[in-house]
C-alpha cells in the first residue's frame, strides 16, 4: 500500500533527517515537505547527519508549495494532532485506527473527502490507493483547515502529565505502528544458535571437577556424600555449551595445579 509522510512547514532541518531515518527503519521512503523553512533543507549538513544513512529517502523526497500537491495519489489522510478540533475528524489511537482501516470496518469517513470539510455524498474508505500521514510545524502544530481535511486525527497515547513528543519521535511511533499493522518485520537473530554440550562432555568435566575438588580438600573421597550428584544436576540445569565446558575444565585444571606442592 502506498504510504506517504507529509511534513508541513518544518522549521528544523534536523527533524527532516530524523524523519527520513525513522521512515527507513520501518521500510518507508515516500517523504514530501510542504513549504519547509529552508529551501535547501534536503542538502543541509544537519539534515544529512540526523538521517544517519537514510540518504536515499532524502534523495527521493519532494518539496512542494501546497498541501494539495502533496496529496496526489493519497485517498486516506491521517492528521497527527494531540488536541481534538471542534468539527474535526474522529480522534483515535494509531493502533485502533489501523486495525479498523485494514479490516475495512471504518464508517464512510464521516462525510469527509480530502478536498473539502463536508460533503453530502460520503465516499467509502479507499486506502488501497494510498495513505498519508500529516505532521504540522514544530512551532505551530497543525492548522485547523489541514486537520479538517483529514479522515482521522491520530493521537499517540502518552503520559497525561507530559505528552510532548518531538517530530522525529512522533514519526517513528506512527511508522512503527503502521508497519506492525501491515505485518511487521521478523526479528533477526543477532547471535548464532547455541549448541549444547553432549552427555560425554558433561561427564568428562564432572570427573575433572571431582579430581580438582579432591585435590584442594573440598571433597573427601571416603565420604563424598551427595556432592557430585548435586553438581551433576546443577550443571544439567545450566544447559552448558561446549565453550562453557572448556572454561570449567580450565578452572578444574587451575585448582589441581594450585594444590600441588611448590618446587
Protein backbone atom coordinates (compact mmCIF):
# COMPACT_ATOMS: atom_id res chain seq x y z
CA UNK A 1 0.00 0.00 0.00
CA UNK A 2 1.35 3.43 -0.93
CA UNK A 3 2.43 5.23 2.25
CA UNK A 4 3.45 8.86 2.37
CA UNK A 5 4.72 11.03 5.20
CA UNK A 6 3.93 14.72 4.74
CA UNK A 7 5.63 17.42 6.81
CA UNK A 8 4.13 20.92 6.75
CA UNK A 9 6.36 23.98 7.24
CA UNK A 10 9.10 22.08 9.07
CA UNK A 11 11.32 24.62 10.82
CA UNK A 12 14.27 22.48 11.97
CA UNK A 13 16.45 20.83 9.34
CA UNK A 14 17.50 18.08 11.72
CA UNK A 15 13.91 16.93 12.05
CA UNK A 16 13.76 16.26 8.32
CA UNK A 17 16.77 13.99 8.66
CA UNK A 18 15.25 12.33 11.71
CA UNK A 19 12.05 11.77 9.75
CA UNK A 20 13.96 10.09 6.93
CA UNK A 21 15.74 7.82 9.40
CA UNK A 22 12.51 6.90 11.19
CA UNK A 23 10.82 6.10 7.89
CA UNK A 24 13.64 3.97 6.51
CA UNK A 25 13.89 1.83 9.66
CA UNK A 26 10.25 0.85 9.06
CA UNK A 27 10.63 0.36 5.31
CA UNK A 28 9.01 3.57 4.02
CA UNK A 29 10.55 6.04 1.60
CA UNK A 30 7.89 8.49 0.37
CA UNK A 31 8.55 11.85 2.06
CA UNK A 32 7.00 15.16 0.98
CA UNK A 33 7.78 18.53 2.56
CA UNK A 34 5.28 21.37 2.25
CA UNK A 35 6.93 24.80 2.39
CA UNK A 36 9.80 23.94 4.76
CA UNK A 37 11.67 26.79 6.37
CA UNK A 38 14.83 26.03 4.40
CA UNK A 39 14.62 25.73 0.60
CA UNK A 40 17.80 23.60 0.64
CA UNK A 41 16.74 21.57 3.69
CA UNK A 42 17.39 18.22 1.97
CA UNK A 43 21.05 19.16 1.45
CA UNK A 44 21.81 20.83 4.76
CA UNK A 45 24.52 19.26 6.91
CA UNK A 46 22.26 18.86 9.95
CA UNK A 47 19.66 17.06 7.83
CA UNK A 48 22.21 14.64 6.44
CA UNK A 49 23.73 13.93 9.84
CA UNK A 50 20.37 13.25 11.51
CA UNK A 51 19.33 10.99 8.63
CA UNK A 52 22.11 8.64 9.75
CA UNK A 53 22.42 6.85 6.43
CA UNK A 54 18.85 7.22 5.14
CA UNK A 55 20.16 9.32 2.27
CA UNK A 56 18.04 7.52 -0.32
CA UNK A 57 14.90 8.76 1.45
CA UNK A 58 16.25 12.31 1.34
CA UNK A 59 17.22 11.90 -2.31
CA UNK A 60 13.70 10.81 -3.24
CA UNK A 61 11.95 13.39 -1.07
CA UNK A 62 9.95 16.19 -2.73
CA UNK A 63 9.40 19.79 -1.73
CA UNK A 64 6.08 21.35 -2.74
CA UNK A 65 4.32 24.65 -2.10
CA UNK A 66 0.85 23.42 -1.19
CA UNK A 67 -0.74 20.53 0.62
CA UNK A 68 -2.82 19.80 -2.48
CA UNK A 69 0.37 18.93 -4.38
CA UNK A 70 1.45 16.60 -1.58
CA UNK A 71 -1.82 14.65 -1.68
CA UNK A 72 -1.55 13.36 -5.24
CA UNK A 73 -2.42 9.64 -5.15
CA UNK A 74 -3.49 9.72 -1.50
CA UNK A 75 -7.03 8.68 -0.62
CA UNK A 76 -6.85 8.35 3.18
CA UNK A 77 -5.24 11.11 5.17
CA UNK A 78 -4.31 10.92 8.86
CA UNK A 79 -3.59 14.01 10.91
CA UNK A 80 -1.30 13.76 13.90
CA UNK A 81 -2.71 16.21 16.45
CA UNK A 82 -2.80 15.97 20.22
CA UNK A 83 -5.64 18.46 20.60
CA UNK A 84 -9.04 17.45 19.13
CA UNK A 85 -10.67 20.08 16.92
CA UNK A 86 -14.28 21.16 17.03
CA UNK A 87 -15.96 19.84 13.89
CA UNK A 88 -12.80 17.89 13.17
CA UNK A 89 -12.40 14.21 12.32
CA UNK A 90 -12.66 11.48 14.95
CA UNK A 91 -9.64 11.03 17.22
CA UNK A 92 -8.22 7.53 17.57
CA UNK A 93 -5.05 5.84 18.74
CA UNK A 94 -2.94 4.72 15.75
CA UNK A 95 -3.24 1.01 16.50
CA UNK A 96 -7.02 1.17 16.84
CA UNK A 97 -7.46 3.15 13.63
CA UNK A 98 -5.13 0.99 11.56
CA UNK A 99 -6.95 -2.13 12.68
CA UNK A 100 -10.28 -0.67 11.60
CA UNK A 101 -8.83 0.61 8.35
CA UNK A 102 -7.28 -2.66 7.23
CA UNK A 103 -10.34 -4.63 8.25
CA UNK A 104 -12.46 -2.16 6.22
CA UNK A 105 -14.60 -1.50 9.27
CA UNK A 106 -14.45 2.30 9.16
CA UNK A 107 -17.61 4.30 8.59
CA UNK A 108 -17.89 6.33 5.43
CA UNK A 109 -15.31 8.84 6.70
CA UNK A 110 -17.96 10.95 8.46
CA UNK A 111 -18.76 12.53 5.12
CA UNK A 112 -15.20 13.80 4.57
CA UNK A 113 -13.09 13.89 1.44
CA UNK A 114 -9.54 15.13 1.06
CA UNK A 115 -10.69 18.21 -0.77
CA UNK A 116 -13.44 19.51 1.47
CA UNK A 117 -14.57 19.80 5.04
CA UNK A 118 -18.02 18.35 4.39
CA UNK A 119 -19.87 16.69 1.54
CA UNK A 120 -23.38 15.41 1.03
CA UNK A 121 -22.14 12.30 -0.79
CA UNK A 122 -19.88 10.30 1.53
CA UNK A 123 -17.39 8.00 -0.15
CA UNK A 124 -16.24 4.64 1.23
CA UNK A 125 -12.73 4.18 2.54
CA UNK A 126 -10.31 3.52 -0.30
CA UNK A 127 -6.99 3.23 1.47
CA UNK A 128 -5.65 0.83 -1.17
CA UNK A 129 -4.67 3.78 -3.37
CA UNK A 130 -2.60 5.46 -0.70
CA UNK A 131 -2.44 6.54 2.91
CA UNK A 132 -0.83 9.78 4.05
CA UNK A 133 0.39 10.84 7.48
CA UNK A 134 0.34 14.57 8.00
CA UNK A 135 2.61 16.32 10.52
CA UNK A 136 2.43 20.01 11.35
CA UNK A 137 5.07 22.59 12.12
CA UNK A 138 7.17 22.14 15.25
CA UNK A 139 6.30 25.69 16.29
CA UNK A 140 2.59 25.88 15.48
CA UNK A 141 1.39 22.30 15.13
CA UNK A 142 -1.31 21.61 12.57
CA UNK A 143 -3.62 24.30 11.25
CA UNK A 144 -7.34 23.67 11.71
CA UNK A 145 -8.02 23.75 7.98
CA UNK A 146 -5.46 20.98 7.43
CA UNK A 147 -6.90 18.83 10.21
CA UNK A 148 -10.40 19.27 8.76
CA UNK A 149 -9.25 17.71 5.51
CA UNK A 150 -8.18 14.50 7.25
CA UNK A 151 -10.22 11.39 7.86
CA UNK A 152 -8.85 10.85 11.37
CA UNK A 153 -6.73 12.60 13.95
CA UNK A 154 -4.21 10.09 15.29
CA UNK A 155 -3.34 10.63 18.94
CA UNK A 156 -0.38 8.72 20.35
CA UNK A 157 -1.24 7.53 23.89
CA UNK A 158 1.24 9.26 26.20
CA UNK A 159 1.69 10.26 29.81
CA UNK A 160 -1.26 12.57 30.60
CA UNK A 161 1.09 14.86 32.54
CA UNK A 162 3.68 15.05 29.76
CA UNK A 163 2.55 14.14 26.28
CA UNK A 164 5.03 16.19 24.26
CA UNK A 165 6.82 14.24 21.52
CA UNK A 166 9.34 15.82 19.18
CA UNK A 167 8.66 15.46 15.47
CA UNK A 168 11.15 12.66 14.82
CA UNK A 169 9.84 10.60 17.73
CA UNK A 170 6.22 11.04 16.63
CA UNK A 171 7.07 9.94 13.10
CA UNK A 172 8.91 6.90 14.44
CA UNK A 173 5.92 5.82 16.53
CA UNK A 174 3.45 6.23 13.66
CA UNK A 175 5.78 4.48 11.21
CA UNK A 176 6.25 1.57 13.62
CA UNK A 177 2.54 1.17 14.31
CA UNK A 178 1.68 1.28 10.61
CA UNK A 179 4.41 -1.25 9.75
CA UNK A 180 3.15 -3.55 12.50
CA UNK A 181 -0.39 -3.23 11.16
CA UNK A 182 0.88 -4.24 7.70
CA UNK A 183 2.56 -7.34 9.10
CA UNK A 184 5.83 -6.05 10.53
CA UNK A 185 9.33 -7.37 10.06
CA UNK A 186 10.72 -10.54 11.56
CA UNK A 187 13.28 -10.26 14.35
CA UNK A 188 16.73 -11.14 13.05
CA UNK A 189 18.88 -13.39 15.20
CA UNK A 190 21.97 -11.44 16.23
CA UNK A 191 23.82 -14.43 17.68
CA UNK A 192 24.20 -17.89 16.21
CA UNK A 193 22.21 -20.76 17.64
CA UNK A 194 23.77 -22.07 20.83
CA UNK A 195 24.98 -25.67 20.72
CA UNK A 196 24.69 -27.55 24.00
CA UNK A 197 27.43 -29.86 25.28
CA UNK A 198 26.66 -33.55 24.95
CA UNK A 199 26.47 -36.01 27.85
CA UNK A 200 30.04 -37.26 27.37
CA UNK A 201 31.42 -33.73 27.59
CA UNK A 202 29.49 -33.05 30.80
CA UNK A 203 30.58 -36.35 32.31
CA UNK A 204 34.23 -35.65 31.46
CA UNK A 205 34.01 -32.19 33.01
CA UNK A 206 32.44 -33.62 36.19
CA UNK A 207 35.20 -36.20 36.51
CA UNK A 208 37.75 -33.43 36.12
CA UNK A 209 35.99 -31.37 38.82
CA UNK A 210 35.84 -34.36 41.17
CA UNK A 211 39.59 -34.68 40.79
CA UNK A 212 40.10 -30.96 41.39
CA UNK A 213 37.81 -30.77 44.43
CA UNK A 214 39.64 -33.70 45.93
CA UNK A 215 43.00 -32.06 45.26
CA UNK A 216 42.06 -28.88 47.14
CA UNK A 217 40.48 -30.84 50.03
CA UNK A 218 36.90 -29.79 49.38
CA UNK A 219 35.77 -33.35 48.55
CA UNK A 220 36.60 -36.33 50.75
CA UNK A 221 36.56 -39.46 48.56
CA UNK A 222 35.94 -41.58 51.66
CA UNK A 223 32.76 -39.62 52.46
CA UNK A 224 31.65 -37.92 49.25
CA UNK A 225 28.03 -37.68 50.39
CA UNK A 226 25.93 -36.35 47.50
CA UNK A 227 28.21 -33.57 46.30
CA UNK A 228 28.89 -34.89 42.80
CA UNK A 229 25.27 -35.92 42.02
CA UNK A 230 24.15 -32.48 43.11
CA UNK A 231 26.79 -30.81 40.95
CA UNK A 232 25.66 -33.04 38.10
CA UNK A 233 22.09 -31.77 38.48
CA UNK A 234 23.32 -28.19 38.78
CA UNK A 235 25.25 -28.36 35.52
CA UNK A 236 22.40 -30.15 33.75
CA UNK A 237 20.03 -27.32 34.69
CA UNK A 238 22.57 -24.80 33.43
CA UNK A 239 22.48 -26.41 29.95
CA UNK A 240 26.17 -25.85 29.36
CA UNK A 241 27.63 -25.23 25.96
CA UNK A 242 30.92 -26.61 24.66
CA UNK A 243 32.76 -23.35 25.35
CA UNK A 244 31.47 -23.29 28.94
CA UNK A 245 32.65 -26.88 29.43
CA UNK A 246 36.06 -25.75 28.24
CA UNK A 247 36.08 -22.88 30.78
CA UNK A 248 35.03 -25.12 33.68
CA UNK A 249 37.69 -27.67 32.83
CA UNK A 250 40.22 -24.83 32.78
CA UNK A 251 39.10 -23.88 36.29
CA UNK A 252 39.48 -27.51 37.43
CA UNK A 253 42.98 -27.66 35.92
CA UNK A 254 43.97 -24.46 37.74
CA UNK A 255 42.67 -25.84 41.06
CA UNK A 256 44.70 -29.03 40.64
CA UNK A 257 47.84 -27.08 39.76
CA UNK A 258 47.42 -24.72 42.72
CA UNK A 259 47.07 -27.70 45.09
CA UNK A 260 50.37 -29.22 44.02
CA UNK A 261 53.41 -28.54 46.20
CA UNK A 262 55.66 -25.69 45.05
CA UNK A 263 59.02 -26.82 43.82
